[in-house]
Amino acid sequence: MGLIGFLIVGLIAGFIARAVVPGDDSMGILGTLVLGIVGSFVGGLLGSLLTGDGIDFSTSGIIGSIIGAIIALIAYNAITGRKRV
């Protein structure tokens, strides 16, 4: 997947994660893009751990990116204490 495709998947995953996690997340497009990219790496890490390949920091597909972005957003909200669910 090229760089543009990677950024588009990250942006889509970030938007979906923000829609799924309850509450108001006041982040712009750049924050949403970073959330999706971090989610892609989190999803890739979880996927490699579940398949038994060990710890491998790689990107994942759209489903893994969305799941990873949801996990990253929940962790970010818990660490910063921005909102209570």
N, C-alpha and C. Protein backbone atom coordinates (compact mmCIF):
# COMPACT_ATOMS: atom_id res chain seq x y z
N MET A 1 0.85 -1.17 0.00
CA MET A 1 0.00 0.00 0.00
C MET A 1 0.90 1.23 0.00
N GLY A 2 0.58 2.17 -0.84
CA GLY A 2 1.37 3.37 -0.94
C GLY A 2 1.11 4.32 0.22
N LEU A 3 1.88 5.36 0.27
CA LEU A 3 1.77 6.34 1.35
C LEU A 3 0.40 7.02 1.35
N ILE A 4 -0.10 7.37 0.18
CA ILE A 4 -1.40 8.02 0.09
C ILE A 4 -2.50 7.08 0.58
N GLY A 5 -2.45 5.82 0.18
CA GLY A 5 -3.42 4.83 0.63
C GLY A 5 -3.35 4.63 2.14
N PHE A 6 -2.14 4.61 2.68
CA PHE A 6 -1.94 4.46 4.12
C PHE A 6 -2.56 5.63 4.87
N LEU A 7 -2.39 6.84 4.36
CA LEU A 7 -2.96 8.02 5.00
C LEU A 7 -4.48 8.04 4.91
N ILE A 8 -5.02 7.60 3.77
CA ILE A 8 -6.48 7.57 3.61
C ILE A 8 -7.10 6.54 4.55
N VAL A 9 -6.49 5.36 4.64
CA VAL A 9 -6.99 4.33 5.57
C VAL A 9 -6.89 4.84 7.01
N GLY A 10 -5.82 5.52 7.36
CA GLY A 10 -5.67 6.09 8.70
C GLY A 10 -6.73 7.13 9.01
N LEU A 11 -7.03 7.97 8.03
CA LEU A 11 -8.05 9.00 8.22
C LEU A 11 -9.43 8.37 8.39
N ILE A 12 -9.76 7.38 7.58
CA ILE A 12 -11.05 6.70 7.70
C ILE A 12 -11.16 5.98 9.04
N ALA A 13 -10.10 5.29 9.44
CA ALA A 13 -10.12 4.58 10.72
C ALA A 13 -10.26 5.55 11.89
N GLY A 14 -9.60 6.70 11.81
CA GLY A 14 -9.71 7.70 12.87
C GLY A 14 -11.12 8.27 12.97
N PHE A 15 -11.74 8.57 11.82
CA PHE A 15 -13.11 9.07 11.83
C PHE A 15 -14.08 8.05 12.40
N ILE A 16 -13.93 6.80 12.03
CA ILE A 16 -14.84 5.76 12.54
C ILE A 16 -14.63 5.56 14.03
N ALA A 17 -13.38 5.58 14.49
CA ALA A 17 -13.10 5.42 15.92
C ALA A 17 -13.70 6.56 16.72
N ARG A 18 -13.59 7.79 16.20
CA ARG A 18 -14.19 8.93 16.89
C ARG A 18 -15.70 8.83 16.92
N ALA A 19 -16.31 8.22 15.90
CA ALA A 19 -17.76 8.08 15.87
C ALA A 19 -18.24 6.99 16.83
N VAL A 20 -17.41 5.95 17.01
CA VAL A 20 -17.81 4.81 17.84
C VAL A 20 -17.62 5.10 19.33
N VAL A 21 -16.54 5.75 19.69
CA VAL A 21 -16.25 6.04 21.09
C VAL A 21 -17.14 7.20 21.53
N PRO A 22 -17.91 7.03 22.61
CA PRO A 22 -18.84 8.08 23.02
C PRO A 22 -18.12 9.31 23.56
N GLY A 23 -18.77 10.45 23.42
CA GLY A 23 -18.23 11.70 23.92
C GLY A 23 -17.78 12.60 22.81
N ASP A 24 -17.35 13.79 23.20
CA ASP A 24 -16.91 14.80 22.24
C ASP A 24 -15.39 14.81 22.20
N ASP A 25 -14.83 14.41 21.06
CA ASP A 25 -13.38 14.44 20.87
C ASP A 25 -13.07 15.62 19.96
N SER A 26 -12.57 16.68 20.55
CA SER A 26 -12.30 17.88 19.78
C SER A 26 -10.88 17.82 19.21
N MET A 27 -10.74 17.09 18.13
CA MET A 27 -9.46 17.04 17.43
C MET A 27 -9.75 17.29 15.96
N GLY A 28 -8.83 17.92 15.30
CA GLY A 28 -9.01 18.25 13.90
C GLY A 28 -8.68 17.08 12.99
N ILE A 29 -8.54 17.39 11.73
CA ILE A 29 -8.25 16.35 10.75
C ILE A 29 -6.86 15.75 10.99
N LEU A 30 -5.90 16.60 11.36
CA LEU A 30 -4.55 16.08 11.62
C LEU A 30 -4.55 15.13 12.82
N GLY A 31 -5.27 15.48 13.88
CA GLY A 31 -5.37 14.60 15.05
C GLY A 31 -6.06 13.30 14.72
N THR A 32 -7.09 13.38 13.88
CA THR A 32 -7.81 12.18 13.45
C THR A 32 -6.91 11.29 12.60
N LEU A 33 -6.11 11.91 11.75
CA LEU A 33 -5.17 11.17 10.91
C LEU A 33 -4.12 10.47 11.77
N VAL A 34 -3.58 11.16 12.75
CA VAL A 34 -2.59 10.56 13.65
C VAL A 34 -3.21 9.42 14.45
N LEU A 35 -4.46 9.62 14.90
CA LEU A 35 -5.17 8.56 15.62
C LEU A 35 -5.31 7.32 14.76
N GLY A 36 -5.68 7.48 13.50
CA GLY A 36 -5.82 6.35 12.60
C GLY A 36 -4.50 5.65 12.31
N ILE A 37 -3.43 6.42 12.17
CA ILE A 37 -2.11 5.83 11.91
C ILE A 37 -1.63 5.06 13.13
N VAL A 38 -1.79 5.65 14.31
CA VAL A 38 -1.43 4.93 15.54
C VAL A 38 -2.29 3.68 15.68
N GLY A 39 -3.57 3.80 15.35
CA GLY A 39 -4.47 2.65 15.39
C GLY A 39 -4.06 1.55 14.45
N SER A 40 -3.53 1.92 13.30
CA SER A 40 -3.07 0.92 12.34
C SER A 40 -1.89 0.12 12.91
N PHE A 41 -0.98 0.81 13.58
CA PHE A 41 0.14 0.10 14.19
C PHE A 41 -0.29 -0.73 15.40
N VAL A 42 -1.24 -0.21 16.19
CA VAL A 42 -1.76 -0.99 17.32
C VAL A 42 -2.48 -2.23 16.80
N GLY A 43 -3.28 -2.06 15.76
CA GLY A 43 -3.98 -3.21 15.16
C GLY A 43 -3.02 -4.23 14.58
N GLY A 44 -1.96 -3.76 13.94
CA GLY A 44 -0.94 -4.66 13.41
C GLY A 44 -0.21 -5.41 14.51
N LEU A 45 0.07 -4.72 15.61
CA LEU A 45 0.72 -5.37 16.75
C LEU A 45 -0.18 -6.43 17.36
N LEU A 46 -1.46 -6.09 17.56
CA LEU A 46 -2.39 -7.07 18.12
C LEU A 46 -2.58 -8.26 17.19
N GLY A 47 -2.65 -7.98 15.89
CA GLY A 47 -2.79 -9.06 14.91
C GLY A 47 -1.60 -10.00 14.92
N SER A 48 -0.39 -9.45 15.04
CA SER A 48 0.79 -10.31 15.07
C SER A 48 0.87 -11.11 16.36
N LEU A 49 0.39 -10.53 17.46
CA LEU A 49 0.38 -11.28 18.72
C LEU A 49 -0.66 -12.39 18.70
N LEU A 50 -1.82 -12.13 18.08
CA LEU A 50 -2.87 -13.15 18.02
C LEU A 50 -2.51 -14.30 17.08
N THR A 51 -1.76 -14.03 16.03
CA THR A 51 -1.39 -15.09 15.10
C THR A 51 -0.16 -15.86 15.57
N GLY A 52 0.48 -15.40 16.62
CA GLY A 52 1.63 -16.11 17.15
C GLY A 52 2.94 -15.77 16.48
N ASP A 53 2.98 -14.65 15.75
CA ASP A 53 4.21 -14.24 15.08
C ASP A 53 5.15 -13.48 16.00
N GLY A 54 4.77 -13.27 17.24
CA GLY A 54 5.58 -12.49 18.15
C GLY A 54 5.26 -11.02 18.03
N ILE A 55 6.08 -10.18 18.62
CA ILE A 55 5.87 -8.74 18.56
C ILE A 55 6.44 -8.21 17.26
N ASP A 56 5.55 -7.72 16.41
CA ASP A 56 5.95 -7.18 15.11
C ASP A 56 5.19 -5.88 14.88
N PHE A 57 5.91 -4.76 14.83
CA PHE A 57 5.28 -3.47 14.60
C PHE A 57 5.08 -3.28 13.11
N SER A 58 3.90 -3.63 12.64
CA SER A 58 3.58 -3.47 11.24
C SER A 58 2.20 -2.83 11.13
N THR A 59 1.85 -2.41 9.94
CA THR A 59 0.53 -1.82 9.73
C THR A 59 -0.49 -2.93 9.54
N SER A 60 -1.74 -2.57 9.66
CA SER A 60 -2.81 -3.55 9.45
C SER A 60 -3.80 -3.01 8.43
N GLY A 61 -4.79 -3.80 8.10
CA GLY A 61 -5.82 -3.39 7.16
C GLY A 61 -6.82 -2.47 7.82
N ILE A 62 -7.91 -2.22 7.13
CA ILE A 62 -8.89 -1.25 7.61
C ILE A 62 -9.57 -1.72 8.89
N ILE A 63 -9.92 -2.99 9.00
CA ILE A 63 -10.58 -3.48 10.22
C ILE A 63 -9.63 -3.42 11.41
N GLY A 64 -8.40 -3.87 11.22
CA GLY A 64 -7.41 -3.78 12.29
C GLY A 64 -7.10 -2.35 12.67
N SER A 65 -7.10 -1.46 11.69
CA SER A 65 -6.85 -0.04 11.96
C SER A 65 -7.97 0.57 12.79
N ILE A 66 -9.20 0.21 12.47
CA ILE A 66 -10.34 0.74 13.22
C ILE A 66 -10.30 0.24 14.66
N ILE A 67 -10.08 -1.05 14.84
CA ILE A 67 -10.00 -1.62 16.20
C ILE A 67 -8.85 -1.00 16.97
N GLY A 68 -7.70 -0.87 16.33
CA GLY A 68 -6.55 -0.24 16.98
C GLY A 68 -6.79 1.22 17.31
N ALA A 69 -7.48 1.95 16.43
CA ALA A 69 -7.78 3.36 16.69
C ALA A 69 -8.75 3.52 17.85
N ILE A 70 -9.73 2.62 17.95
CA ILE A 70 -10.66 2.65 19.08
C ILE A 70 -9.89 2.41 20.38
N ILE A 71 -9.02 1.43 20.38
CA ILE A 71 -8.21 1.15 21.58
C ILE A 71 -7.31 2.34 21.92
N ALA A 72 -6.68 2.93 20.90
CA ALA A 72 -5.80 4.07 21.13
C ALA A 72 -6.57 5.28 21.66
N LEU A 73 -7.77 5.52 21.15
CA LEU A 73 -8.58 6.66 21.62
C LEU A 73 -9.05 6.45 23.04
N ILE A 74 -9.47 5.24 23.37
CA ILE A 74 -9.89 4.96 24.75
C ILE A 74 -8.70 5.10 25.70
N ALA A 75 -7.54 4.61 25.30
CA ALA A 75 -6.34 4.73 26.15
C ALA A 75 -5.94 6.20 26.30
N TYR A 76 -6.02 6.97 25.21
CA TYR A 76 -5.68 8.40 25.28
C TYR A 76 -6.61 9.13 26.24
N ASN A 77 -7.91 8.85 26.14
CA ASN A 77 -8.87 9.49 27.03
C ASN A 77 -8.66 9.08 28.48
N ALA A 78 -8.29 7.83 28.72
CA ALA A 78 -8.04 7.36 30.09
C ALA A 78 -6.78 7.99 30.67
N ILE A 79 -5.75 8.12 29.86
CA ILE A 79 -4.49 8.67 30.35
C ILE A 79 -4.60 10.16 30.62
N THR A 80 -5.23 10.90 29.70
CA THR A 80 -5.33 12.34 29.86
C THR A 80 -6.47 12.75 30.78
N GLY A 81 -7.42 11.84 31.02
CA GLY A 81 -8.54 12.14 31.88
C GLY A 81 -9.46 13.18 31.29
N ARG A 82 -9.54 13.23 29.97
CA ARG A 82 -10.33 14.26 29.28
C ARG A 82 -11.81 14.09 29.48
N LYS A 83 -12.28 12.86 29.56
CA LYS A 83 -13.71 12.66 29.73
C LYS A 83 -13.96 11.34 30.43
N ARG A 84 -15.09 11.26 31.04
CA ARG A 84 -15.52 10.02 31.70
C ARG A 84 -16.67 9.44 30.90
N VAL A 85 -16.62 8.15 30.70
CA VAL A 85 -17.69 7.49 29.95
C VAL A 85 -18.67 6.88 30.91
